[in-house]
């Protein structure tokens, strides 16, 4: 189990989408309980770029993994 995401990363739907559109990133983390309408375009970009996608149970848990005090729907290791 991952206890903390290491390396340079971006957190959040907007920042993740921006990084993916700029061909950045090697591993995508998504929260299972995030709104699927928000995740669809990001997951499509990740699949198109053959990135590894890791699902985390909750947005709260993903926020903790990112070292932030708020929930997060997505995080991208760049």
PDB file of N, CA and C in Angstrom:
ATOM      1  N   UNK A   1       0.835  -1.189   0.000  1.00  0.00           N
ATOM      2  CA  UNK A   1       0.000   0.000   0.000  1.00  0.00           C
ATOM      3  C   UNK A   1       0.877   1.249   0.000  1.00  0.00           C
ATOM      4  N   UNK A   2       0.526   2.184  -0.808  1.00  0.00           N
ATOM      5  CA  UNK A   2       1.248   3.447  -0.895  1.00  0.00           C
ATOM      6  C   UNK A   2       0.895   4.295   0.315  1.00  0.00           C
ATOM      7  N   UNK A   3       1.898   4.899   0.949  1.00  0.00           N
ATOM      8  CA  UNK A   3       1.616   5.760   2.089  1.00  0.00           C
ATOM      9  C   UNK A   3       1.750   7.237   1.727  1.00  0.00           C
ATOM     10  N   UNK A   4       2.497   7.520   0.673  1.00  0.00           N
ATOM     11  CA  UNK A   4       2.693   8.891   0.222  1.00  0.00           C
ATOM     12  C   UNK A   4       3.158   8.858  -1.226  1.00  0.00           C
ATOM     13  N   UNK A   5       2.626   9.744  -2.037  1.00  0.00           N
ATOM     14  CA  UNK A   5       3.073   9.823  -3.426  1.00  0.00           C
ATOM     15  C   UNK A   5       4.378  10.591  -3.463  1.00  0.00           C
ATOM     16  N   UNK A   6       5.402   9.980  -4.031  1.00  0.00           N
ATOM     17  CA  UNK A   6       6.711  10.621  -4.097  1.00  0.00           C
ATOM     18  C   UNK A   6       6.991  11.102  -5.510  1.00  0.00           C
ATOM     19  N   UNK A   7       7.793  12.126  -5.590  1.00  0.00           N
ATOM     20  CA  UNK A   7       8.141  12.686  -6.884  1.00  0.00           C
ATOM     21  C   UNK A   7       7.324  13.928  -7.179  1.00  0.00           C
ATOM     22  N   UNK A   8       7.671  14.554  -8.282  1.00  0.00           N
ATOM     23  CA  UNK A   8       6.948  15.748  -8.690  1.00  0.00           C
ATOM     24  C   UNK A   8       5.556  15.341  -9.158  1.00  0.00           C
ATOM     25  N   UNK A   9       4.550  16.082  -8.701  1.00  0.00           N
ATOM     26  CA  UNK A   9       3.177  15.714  -9.031  1.00  0.00           C
ATOM     27  C   UNK A   9       2.300  16.943  -9.171  1.00  0.00           C
ATOM     28  N   UNK A  10       1.166  16.741  -9.829  1.00  0.00           N
ATOM     29  CA  UNK A  10       0.110  17.745  -9.855  1.00  0.00           C
ATOM     30  C   UNK A  10      -1.120  17.083  -9.252  1.00  0.00           C
ATOM     31  N   UNK A  11      -1.940  17.900  -8.577  1.00  0.00           N
ATOM     32  CA  UNK A  11      -3.106  17.383  -7.880  1.00  0.00           C
ATOM     33  C   UNK A  11      -4.339  18.146  -8.337  1.00  0.00           C
ATOM     34  N   UNK A  12      -5.404  17.416  -8.565  1.00  0.00           N
ATOM     35  CA  UNK A  12      -6.665  18.037  -8.946  1.00  0.00           C
ATOM     36  C   UNK A  12      -6.976  17.823 -10.417  1.00  0.00           C
ATOM     37  N   UNK A  13      -8.260  17.893 -10.722  1.00  0.00           N
ATOM     38  CA  UNK A  13      -8.734  17.603 -12.072  1.00  0.00           C
ATOM     39  C   UNK A  13      -8.170  18.589 -13.097  1.00  0.00           C
ATOM     40  N   UNK A  14      -8.246  19.883 -12.798  1.00  0.00           N
ATOM     41  CA  UNK A  14      -7.789  20.886 -13.779  1.00  0.00           C
ATOM     42  C   UNK A  14      -6.291  20.792 -14.040  1.00  0.00           C
ATOM     43  N   UNK A  15      -5.512  20.677 -12.983  1.00  0.00           N
ATOM     44  CA  UNK A  15      -4.057  20.605 -13.141  1.00  0.00           C
ATOM     45  C   UNK A  15      -3.632  19.301 -13.818  1.00  0.00           C
ATOM     46  N   UNK A  16      -4.316  18.213 -13.490  1.00  0.00           N
ATOM     47  CA  UNK A  16      -4.008  16.932 -14.124  1.00  0.00           C
ATOM     48  C   UNK A  16      -4.312  16.980 -15.618  1.00  0.00           C
ATOM     49  N   UNK A  17      -5.474  17.517 -15.978  1.00  0.00           N
ATOM     50  CA  UNK A  17      -5.847  17.619 -17.394  1.00  0.00           C
ATOM     51  C   UNK A  17      -4.850  18.486 -18.153  1.00  0.00           C
ATOM     52  N   UNK A  18      -4.450  19.586 -17.550  1.00  0.00           N
ATOM     53  CA  UNK A  18      -3.480  20.488 -18.189  1.00  0.00           C
ATOM     54  C   UNK A  18      -2.155  19.770 -18.435  1.00  0.00           C
ATOM     55  N   UNK A  19      -1.676  19.045 -17.430  1.00  0.00           N
ATOM     56  CA  UNK A  19      -0.407  18.318 -17.571  1.00  0.00           C
ATOM     57  C   UNK A  19      -0.507  17.233 -18.638  1.00  0.00           C
ATOM     58  N   UNK A  20      -1.620  16.498 -18.647  1.00  0.00           N
ATOM     59  CA  UNK A  20      -1.789  15.438 -19.646  1.00  0.00           C
ATOM     60  C   UNK A  20      -1.839  16.006 -21.059  1.00  0.00           C
ATOM     61  N   UNK A  21      -2.497  17.152 -21.231  1.00  0.00           N
ATOM     62  CA  UNK A  21      -2.566  17.782 -22.552  1.00  0.00           C
ATOM     63  C   UNK A  21      -1.193  18.249 -23.026  1.00  0.00           C
ATOM     64  N   UNK A  22      -0.296  18.503 -22.065  1.00  0.00           N
ATOM     65  CA  UNK A  22       1.075  18.894 -22.389  1.00  0.00           C
ATOM     66  C   UNK A  22       2.017  17.687 -22.437  1.00  0.00           C
ATOM     67  N   UNK A  23       1.435  16.485 -22.532  1.00  0.00           N
ATOM     68  CA  UNK A  23       2.197  15.228 -22.620  1.00  0.00           C
ATOM     69  C   UNK A  23       3.115  14.985 -21.433  1.00  0.00           C
ATOM     70  N   UNK A  24       2.684  15.406 -20.260  1.00  0.00           N
ATOM     71  CA  UNK A  24       3.427  15.136 -19.034  1.00  0.00           C
ATOM     72  C   UNK A  24       2.754  13.995 -18.294  1.00  0.00           C
ATOM     73  N   UNK A  25       3.496  13.353 -17.427  1.00  0.00           N
ATOM     74  CA  UNK A  25       2.929  12.340 -16.557  1.00  0.00           C
ATOM     75  C   UNK A  25       3.367  10.928 -16.891  1.00  0.00           C
ATOM     76  N   UNK A  26       3.474  10.128 -15.822  1.00  0.00           N
ATOM     77  CA  UNK A  26       3.818   8.718 -16.010  1.00  0.00           C
ATOM     78  C   UNK A  26       2.890   7.797 -15.237  1.00  0.00           C
ATOM     79  N   UNK A  27       2.216   8.322 -14.212  1.00  0.00           N
ATOM     80  CA  UNK A  27       1.287   7.492 -13.443  1.00  0.00           C
ATOM     81  C   UNK A  27       0.152   8.369 -12.939  1.00  0.00           C
ATOM     82  N   UNK A  28      -1.078   7.913 -13.169  1.00  0.00           N
ATOM     83  CA  UNK A  28      -2.268   8.658 -12.779  1.00  0.00           C
ATOM     84  C   UNK A  28      -2.950   7.955 -11.613  1.00  0.00           C
ATOM     85  N   UNK A  29      -3.289   8.733 -10.602  1.00  0.00           N
ATOM     86  CA  UNK A  29      -4.059   8.231  -9.470  1.00  0.00           C
ATOM     87  C   UNK A  29      -5.444   8.864  -9.530  1.00  0.00           C
ATOM     88  N   UNK A  30      -6.488   8.048  -9.420  1.00  0.00           N
ATOM     89  CA  UNK A  30      -7.855   8.560  -9.432  1.00  0.00           C
ATOM     90  C   UNK A  30      -8.617   7.993  -8.230  1.00  0.00           C
ATOM     91  N   UNK A  31      -9.497   8.814  -7.674  1.00  0.00           N
ATOM     92  CA  UNK A  31     -10.338   8.380  -6.564  1.00  0.00           C
ATOM     93  C   UNK A  31     -11.589   7.712  -7.122  1.00  0.00           C
ATOM     94  N   UNK A  32     -11.926   6.546  -6.602  1.00  0.00           N
ATOM     95  CA  UNK A  32     -13.087   5.799  -7.081  1.00  0.00           C
ATOM     96  C   UNK A  32     -14.393   6.535  -6.824  1.00  0.00           C
ATOM     97  N   UNK A  33     -14.445   7.363  -5.771  1.00  0.00           N
ATOM     98  CA  UNK A  33     -15.691   8.039  -5.432  1.00  0.00           C
ATOM     99  C   UNK A  33     -15.815   9.427  -6.063  1.00  0.00           C
ATOM    100  N   UNK A  34     -14.899   9.780  -6.940  1.00  0.00           N
ATOM    101  CA  UNK A  34     -14.979  11.066  -7.639  1.00  0.00           C
ATOM    102  C   UNK A  34     -16.059  11.011  -8.717  1.00  0.00           C
ATOM    103  N   UNK A  35     -16.570  12.175  -9.085  1.00  0.00           N
ATOM    104  CA  UNK A  35     -17.615  12.282 -10.101  1.00  0.00           C
ATOM    105  C   UNK A  35     -17.091  11.741 -11.434  1.00  0.00           C
ATOM    106  N   UNK A  36     -17.780  10.748 -11.968  1.00  0.00           N
ATOM    107  CA  UNK A  36     -17.324  10.112 -13.201  1.00  0.00           C
ATOM    108  C   UNK A  36     -17.298  11.080 -14.388  1.00  0.00           C
ATOM    109  N   UNK A  37     -18.165  12.086 -14.387  1.00  0.00           N
ATOM    110  CA  UNK A  37     -18.156  13.064 -15.475  1.00  0.00           C
ATOM    111  C   UNK A  37     -16.868  13.879 -15.473  1.00  0.00           C
ATOM    112  N   UNK A  38     -16.301  14.108 -14.297  1.00  0.00           N
ATOM    113  CA  UNK A  38     -15.030  14.824 -14.203  1.00  0.00           C
ATOM    114  C   UNK A  38     -13.866  13.932 -14.640  1.00  0.00           C
ATOM    115  N   UNK A  39     -13.978  12.653 -14.325  1.00  0.00           N
ATOM    116  CA  UNK A  39     -12.865  11.739 -14.585  1.00  0.00           C
ATOM    117  C   UNK A  39     -12.782  11.253 -16.029  1.00  0.00           C
ATOM    118  N   UNK A  40     -13.905  11.180 -16.728  1.00  0.00           N
ATOM    119  CA  UNK A  40     -13.925  10.612 -18.080  1.00  0.00           C
ATOM    120  C   UNK A  40     -12.873  11.212 -19.022  1.00  0.00           C
ATOM    121  N   UNK A  41     -12.813  12.549 -19.170  1.00  0.00           N
ATOM    122  CA  UNK A  41     -11.810  13.088 -20.111  1.00  0.00           C
ATOM    123  C   UNK A  41     -10.375  12.823 -19.661  1.00  0.00           C
ATOM    124  N   UNK A  42     -10.142  12.820 -18.374  1.00  0.00           N
ATOM    125  CA  UNK A  42      -8.791  12.569 -17.859  1.00  0.00           C
ATOM    126  C   UNK A  42      -8.400  11.115 -18.096  1.00  0.00           C
ATOM    127  N   UNK A  43      -9.328  10.208 -17.828  1.00  0.00           N
ATOM    128  CA  UNK A  43      -9.035   8.784 -18.059  1.00  0.00           C
ATOM    129  C   UNK A  43      -8.798   8.513 -19.539  1.00  0.00           C
ATOM    130  N   UNK A  44      -9.544   9.179 -20.410  1.00  0.00           N
ATOM    131  CA  UNK A  44      -9.339   9.004 -21.849  1.00  0.00           C
ATOM    132  C   UNK A  44      -7.938   9.464 -22.255  1.00  0.00           C
ATOM    133  N   UNK A  45      -7.528  10.636 -21.760  1.00  0.00           N
ATOM    134  CA  UNK A  45      -6.174  11.126 -22.068  1.00  0.00           C
ATOM    135  C   UNK A  45      -5.115  10.152 -21.554  1.00  0.00           C
ATOM    136  N   UNK A  46      -5.319   9.629 -20.349  1.00  0.00           N
ATOM    137  CA  UNK A  46      -4.351   8.701 -19.764  1.00  0.00           C
ATOM    138  C   UNK A  46      -4.263   7.404 -20.567  1.00  0.00           C
ATOM    139  N   UNK A  47      -5.403   6.890 -20.981  1.00  0.00           N
ATOM    140  CA  UNK A  47      -5.415   5.653 -21.776  1.00  0.00           C
ATOM    141  C   UNK A  47      -4.756   5.903 -23.131  1.00  0.00           C
ATOM    142  N   UNK A  48      -5.050   7.040 -23.756  1.00  0.00           N
ATOM    143  CA  UNK A  48      -4.437   7.378 -25.044  1.00  0.00           C
ATOM    144  C   UNK A  48      -2.920   7.448 -24.944  1.00  0.00           C
ATOM    145  N   UNK A  49      -2.407   7.827 -23.781  1.00  0.00           N
ATOM    146  CA  UNK A  49      -0.965   7.954 -23.575  1.00  0.00           C
ATOM    147  C   UNK A  49      -0.356   6.723 -22.895  1.00  0.00           C
ATOM    148  N   UNK A  50      -1.166   5.680 -22.703  1.00  0.00           N
ATOM    149  CA  UNK A  50      -0.735   4.412 -22.099  1.00  0.00           C
ATOM    150  C   UNK A  50      -0.122   4.600 -20.718  1.00  0.00           C
ATOM    151  N   UNK A  51      -0.724   5.466 -19.920  1.00  0.00           N
ATOM    152  CA  UNK A  51      -0.237   5.682 -18.559  1.00  0.00           C
ATOM    153  C   UNK A  51      -0.772   4.604 -17.630  1.00  0.00           C
ATOM    154  N   UNK A  52      -0.011   4.318 -16.595  1.00  0.00           N
ATOM    155  CA  UNK A  52      -0.498   3.422 -15.549  1.00  0.00           C
ATOM    156  C   UNK A  52      -1.543   4.189 -14.743  1.00  0.00           C
ATOM    157  N   UNK A  53      -2.686   3.558 -14.488  1.00  0.00           N
ATOM    158  CA  UNK A  53      -3.766   4.186 -13.736  1.00  0.00           C
ATOM    159  C   UNK A  53      -3.969   3.398 -12.448  1.00  0.00           C
ATOM    160  N   UNK A  54      -3.891   4.108 -11.319  1.00  0.00           N
ATOM    161  CA  UNK A  54      -4.059   3.489 -10.009  1.00  0.00           C
ATOM    162  C   UNK A  54      -5.320   4.063  -9.375  1.00  0.00           C
ATOM    163  N   UNK A  55      -6.214   3.181  -8.952  1.00  0.00           N
ATOM    164  CA  UNK A  55      -7.443   3.628  -8.307  1.00  0.00           C
ATOM    165  C   UNK A  55      -7.264   3.629  -6.794  1.00  0.00           C
ATOM    166  N   UNK A  56      -7.692   4.727  -6.184  1.00  0.00           N
ATOM    167  CA  UNK A  56      -7.672   4.892  -4.732  1.00  0.00           C
ATOM    168  C   UNK A  56      -9.130   4.919  -4.279  1.00  0.00           C
ATOM    169  N   UNK A  57      -9.441   4.323  -3.143  1.00  0.00           N
ATOM    170  CA  UNK A  57     -10.829   4.168  -2.713  1.00  0.00           C
ATOM    171  C   UNK A  57     -11.595   5.484  -2.576  1.00  0.00           C
ATOM    172  N   UNK A  58     -11.001   6.474  -1.912  1.00  0.00           N
ATOM    173  CA  UNK A  58     -11.738   7.710  -1.659  1.00  0.00           C
ATOM    174  C   UNK A  58     -10.913   8.940  -2.008  1.00  0.00           C
ATOM    175  N   UNK A  59     -11.625  10.034  -2.252  1.00  0.00           N
ATOM    176  CA  UNK A  59     -10.962  11.310  -2.522  1.00  0.00           C
ATOM    177  C   UNK A  59     -10.183  11.775  -1.291  1.00  0.00           C
ATOM    178  N   UNK A  60     -10.722  11.533  -0.112  1.00  0.00           N
ATOM    179  CA  UNK A  60     -10.051  11.913   1.133  1.00  0.00           C
ATOM    180  C   UNK A  60      -8.711  11.185   1.241  1.00  0.00           C
ATOM    181  N   UNK A  61      -8.729   9.882   0.958  1.00  0.00           N
ATOM    182  CA  UNK A  61      -7.506   9.076   1.025  1.00  0.00           C
ATOM    183  C   UNK A  61      -6.469   9.571   0.010  1.00  0.00           C
ATOM    184  N   UNK A  62      -6.910   9.924  -1.184  1.00  0.00           N
ATOM    185  CA  UNK A  62      -5.986  10.435  -2.200  1.00  0.00           C
ATOM    186  C   UNK A  62      -5.382  11.758  -1.758  1.00  0.00           C
ATOM    187  N   UNK A  63      -6.182  12.608  -1.130  1.00  0.00           N
ATOM    188  CA  UNK A  63      -5.659  13.866  -0.594  1.00  0.00           C
ATOM    189  C   UNK A  63      -4.558  13.627   0.429  1.00  0.00           C
ATOM    190  N   UNK A  64      -4.768  12.662   1.308  1.00  0.00           N
ATOM    191  CA  UNK A  64      -3.761  12.312   2.318  1.00  0.00           C
ATOM    192  C   UNK A  64      -2.492  11.803   1.645  1.00  0.00           C
ATOM    193  N   UNK A  65      -2.641  10.951   0.633  1.00  0.00           N
ATOM    194  CA  UNK A  65      -1.475  10.429  -0.095  1.00  0.00           C
ATOM    195  C   UNK A  65      -0.676  11.547  -0.757  1.00  0.00           C
ATOM    196  N   UNK A  66      -1.380  12.601  -1.165  1.00  0.00           N
ATOM    197  CA  UNK A  66      -0.719  13.736  -1.812  1.00  0.00           C
ATOM    198  C   UNK A  66      -0.117  14.710  -0.801  1.00  0.00           C
ATOM    199  N   UNK A  67      -0.404  14.497   0.470  1.00  0.00           N
ATOM    200  CA  UNK A  67       0.130  15.363   1.501  1.00  0.00           C
ATOM    201  C   UNK A  67      -0.626  16.678   1.629  1.00  0.00           C
ATOM    202  N   UNK A  68      -1.910  16.682   1.256  1.00  0.00           N
ATOM    203  CA  UNK A  68      -2.721  17.889   1.376  1.00  0.00           C
ATOM    204  C   UNK A  68      -3.867  17.630   2.356  1.00  0.00           C
ATOM    205  N   UNK A  69      -4.432  18.707   2.890  1.00  0.00           N
ATOM    206  CA  UNK A  69      -5.476  18.585   3.895  1.00  0.00           C
ATOM    207  C   UNK A  69      -6.888  18.554   3.325  1.00  0.00           C
ATOM    208  N   UNK A  70      -7.001  18.491   2.023  1.00  0.00           N
ATOM    209  CA  UNK A  70      -8.321  18.439   1.390  1.00  0.00           C
ATOM    210  C   UNK A  70      -8.394  17.208   0.492  1.00  0.00           C
ATOM    211  N   UNK A  71      -9.610  16.884   0.088  1.00  0.00           N
ATOM    212  CA  UNK A  71      -9.814  15.737  -0.811  1.00  0.00           C
ATOM    213  C   UNK A  71      -9.310  16.048  -2.207  1.00  0.00           C
ATOM    214  N   UNK A  72      -8.969  15.008  -2.962  1.00  0.00           N
ATOM    215  CA  UNK A  72      -8.511  15.167  -4.332  1.00  0.00           C
ATOM    216  C   UNK A  72      -9.109  14.079  -5.211  1.00  0.00           C
ATOM    217  N   UNK A  73      -9.577  14.459  -6.397  1.00  0.00           N
ATOM    218  CA  UNK A  73     -10.147  13.474  -7.311  1.00  0.00           C
ATOM    219  C   UNK A  73      -9.063  12.785  -8.127  1.00  0.00           C
ATOM    220  N   UNK A  74      -8.010  13.537  -8.474  1.00  0.00           N
ATOM    221  CA  UNK A  74      -6.928  12.990  -9.296  1.00  0.00           C
ATOM    222  C   UNK A  74      -5.576  13.513  -8.839  1.00  0.00           C
ATOM    223  N   UNK A  75      -4.553  12.757  -9.160  1.00  0.00           N
ATOM    224  CA  UNK A  75      -3.175  13.190  -8.966  1.00  0.00           C
ATOM    225  C   UNK A  75      -2.354  12.538 -10.074  1.00  0.00           C
ATOM    226  N   UNK A  76      -1.356  13.242 -10.547  1.00  0.00           N
ATOM    227  CA  UNK A  76      -0.525  12.752 -11.633  1.00  0.00           C
ATOM    228  C   UNK A  76       0.939  12.904 -11.269  1.00  0.00           C
ATOM    229  N   UNK A  77       1.672  11.818 -11.328  1.00  0.00           N
ATOM    230  CA  UNK A  77       3.123  11.863 -11.124  1.00  0.00           C
ATOM    231  C   UNK A  77       3.744  12.284 -12.455  1.00  0.00           C
ATOM    232  N   UNK A  78       4.544  13.350 -12.431  1.00  0.00           N
ATOM    233  CA  UNK A  78       5.145  13.839 -13.683  1.00  0.00           C
ATOM    234  C   UNK A  78       6.650  13.717 -13.664  1.00  0.00           C
TER     235      UNK A  78
END
